[in-house]
Structures are given as structure tokens and as C-alpha cells.
Amino acid sequence: MKELSLIEVEQVSGAGAIMDAAGALGAGIGAVIDAINHDLTQSSENAGQILGQNIGRIIENYIDSRIKVY
């Protein structure tokens, strides 16, 4: 088994960062779409955030399944 370095342990313990970043990116893209369509309900922003978070969660789950801490 591989012994993780301090940096690797910190990266693993930062679970959720990818999901947060992807959600923020999706919300930003959705906000642009809302602005173009003059949509004050923020429906595209909310949908983009949810989509981004789910994509981020999938990536995090994949990374977690590939890195094991013993």
C-alpha cells in the first residue's frame, strides 16, 4: 500500500471542493443565460448549479474510489 503524503491527505480531506466549484461554475453559466433571457426567476442559475454540483459529486466519487487511505 502507498503511504499518502501530507498534501495528498489534505486533498482527500477537502472532499466537496470539486462539487462546490462545479456548482458555482454552473450557477454562473445559468446566470448569464437568465440575463440574456431577462429571466428574474433565476431558474437557469438554479438548474445550472444543481447540474454542476451533481457533475462535481460524480467526479469526487470517482476520485474517492481510486484513492484509499489506510
Protein backbone atom coordinates (compact mmCIF):
# COMPACT_ATOMS: atom_id res chain seq x y z
CA MET A 1 0.00 0.00 0.00
CA LYS A 2 1.10 3.54 -0.70
CA GLU A 3 1.57 5.91 2.22
CA LEU A 4 0.00 9.26 1.43
CA SER A 5 1.94 12.49 1.77
CA LEU A 6 0.57 15.38 3.80
CA ILE A 7 -0.52 17.16 0.60
CA GLU A 8 -2.39 14.09 -0.61
CA VAL A 9 -4.15 13.71 2.74
CA GLU A 10 -5.21 17.37 2.64
CA GLN A 11 -6.53 16.92 -0.89
CA VAL A 12 -8.59 13.90 0.14
CA SER A 13 -9.93 15.63 3.26
CA GLY A 14 -11.06 18.56 1.09
CA ALA A 15 -13.94 16.48 -0.22
CA GLY A 16 -16.67 18.68 -1.57
CA ALA A 17 -14.40 21.30 -3.12
CA ILE A 18 -14.89 19.95 -6.64
CA MET A 19 -18.64 19.82 -6.14
CA ASP A 20 -18.68 23.39 -4.83
CA ALA A 21 -16.56 24.68 -7.71
CA ALA A 22 -18.62 22.87 -10.34
CA GLY A 23 -21.82 24.18 -8.75
CA ALA A 24 -20.50 27.75 -8.81
CA LEU A 25 -19.49 27.36 -12.46
CA GLY A 26 -22.93 26.00 -13.37
CA ALA A 27 -24.64 28.81 -11.47
CA GLY A 28 -22.51 31.38 -13.29
CA ILE A 29 -23.37 29.96 -16.68
CA GLY A 30 -27.04 29.83 -15.70
CA ALA A 31 -26.94 33.45 -14.52
CA VAL A 32 -25.65 34.51 -17.93
CA ILE A 33 -28.50 32.63 -19.61
CA ASP A 34 -31.01 34.24 -17.24
CA ALA A 35 -29.59 37.70 -18.02
CA ILE A 36 -29.80 37.11 -21.76
CA ASN A 37 -33.43 35.99 -21.43
CA HIS A 38 -34.33 38.71 -18.91
CA ASP A 39 -35.47 35.94 -16.53
CA LEU A 40 -35.79 37.27 -12.99
CA THR A 41 -36.71 33.86 -11.52
CA GLN A 42 -33.10 32.62 -11.67
CA SER A 43 -34.36 29.29 -13.00
CA SER A 44 -31.35 28.72 -15.27
CA GLU A 45 -28.96 29.73 -12.50
CA ASN A 46 -30.55 27.25 -10.09
CA ALA A 47 -30.63 24.48 -12.69
CA GLY A 48 -27.01 25.15 -13.63
CA GLN A 49 -25.92 25.00 -10.00
CA ILE A 50 -27.69 21.69 -9.42
CA LEU A 51 -26.26 20.22 -12.62
CA GLY A 52 -22.76 21.41 -11.76
CA GLN A 53 -22.96 20.02 -8.23
CA ASN A 54 -24.09 16.64 -9.50
CA ILE A 55 -21.26 16.51 -12.03
CA GLY A 56 -18.83 17.51 -9.27
CA ARG A 57 -20.24 14.81 -6.99
CA ILE A 58 -19.70 12.18 -9.70
CA ILE A 59 -16.08 13.31 -10.13
CA GLU A 60 -15.49 13.29 -6.37
CA ASN A 61 -16.96 9.82 -6.02
CA TYR A 62 -14.70 8.58 -8.80
CA ILE A 63 -11.64 10.14 -7.18
CA ASP A 64 -12.61 8.77 -3.75
CA SER A 65 -12.97 5.29 -5.18
CA ARG A 66 -9.47 5.48 -6.70
CA ILE A 67 -7.69 6.84 -3.60
CA LYS A 68 -7.69 4.73 -0.47
CA VAL A 69 -6.31 5.96 2.84
CA TYR A 70 -5.04 3.26 5.19
